[in-house]
Amino acid sequence: MPKMKTRKGAAKRFKLTATGKVKRQHAFLGHLLTKKTRKNKRQLRQAGYVDSVDEPRVKKMLAY
């Protein structure tokens, strides 16, 4: 059986933590920032976690 390939787009967007959770960045921080509040932009900079429902899909894409 051939080796599984990592999906490079997913590898750039997600990181696995030591406990096995999947870390991600928040969306909505790319442009149109003048209408967003200072507090909102600050909170969007913090990393988030992928929902437990979606975790198996993301882990399959990361493969290794």
Protein backbone atom coordinates (compact mmCIF):
# COMPACT_ATOMS: atom_id res chain seq x y z
CA MET A 1 0.00 0.00 0.00
CA PRO A 2 1.45 3.41 -0.93
CA LYS A 3 2.22 6.09 1.61
CA MET A 4 -0.49 8.61 2.45
CA LYS A 5 0.21 12.14 1.31
CA THR A 6 -0.25 15.19 3.53
CA ARG A 7 -2.59 17.82 2.11
CA LYS A 8 -0.26 20.80 1.98
CA GLY A 9 -3.06 23.38 2.19
CA ALA A 10 -4.21 21.84 5.46
CA ALA A 11 -0.64 21.53 6.77
CA LYS A 12 -0.19 25.29 6.37
CA ARG A 13 -3.41 26.08 8.22
CA PHE A 14 -3.53 23.58 11.10
CA LYS A 15 -1.12 22.41 13.79
CA LEU A 16 -1.50 19.47 16.17
CA THR A 17 -1.02 20.12 19.88
CA ALA A 18 0.69 17.70 22.27
CA THR A 19 -2.72 16.53 23.56
CA GLY A 20 -3.95 15.80 20.04
CA LYS A 21 -6.19 18.81 19.52
CA VAL A 22 -6.03 20.75 16.26
CA LYS A 23 -5.07 24.43 16.48
CA ARG A 24 -6.21 26.98 13.91
CA GLN A 25 -6.28 30.72 13.26
CA HIS A 26 -9.47 32.77 13.16
CA ALA A 27 -10.88 34.12 9.91
CA PHE A 28 -12.06 37.71 9.17
CA LEU A 29 -8.71 39.41 9.75
CA GLY A 30 -7.59 39.75 6.14
CA HIS A 31 -9.20 43.01 5.01
CA LEU A 32 -12.01 45.51 5.74
CA LEU A 33 -10.52 46.07 9.18
CA THR A 34 -11.68 49.68 9.66
CA LYS A 35 -15.25 48.64 10.48
CA LYS A 36 -14.16 46.05 13.04
CA THR A 37 -13.63 47.10 16.63
CA ARG A 38 -10.22 47.12 18.29
CA LYS A 39 -11.41 44.46 20.73
CA ASN A 40 -12.71 42.22 17.94
CA LYS A 41 -9.44 42.39 15.97
CA ARG A 42 -7.43 41.67 19.11
CA GLN A 43 -9.55 38.60 19.89
CA LEU A 44 -9.27 37.32 16.31
CA ARG A 45 -5.47 37.24 16.65
CA GLN A 46 -5.72 34.52 19.29
CA ALA A 47 -5.58 30.94 18.05
CA GLY A 48 -8.65 28.74 18.25
CA TYR A 49 -9.29 25.01 18.13
CA VAL A 50 -11.06 22.99 15.48
CA ASP A 51 -14.44 21.70 16.66
CA SER A 52 -14.48 18.08 17.85
CA VAL A 53 -16.90 17.17 15.04
CA ASP A 54 -14.43 18.31 12.37
CA GLU A 55 -11.25 17.02 14.05
CA PRO A 56 -11.22 13.54 12.42
CA ARG A 57 -11.48 15.11 8.94
CA VAL A 58 -8.63 17.53 9.58
CA LYS A 59 -6.41 14.85 11.13
CA LYS A 60 -6.96 12.65 8.08
CA MET A 61 -5.82 15.51 5.84
CA LEU A 62 -2.67 16.02 7.96
CA ALA A 63 -1.85 12.27 7.86
CA TYR A 64 1.55 12.62 9.57
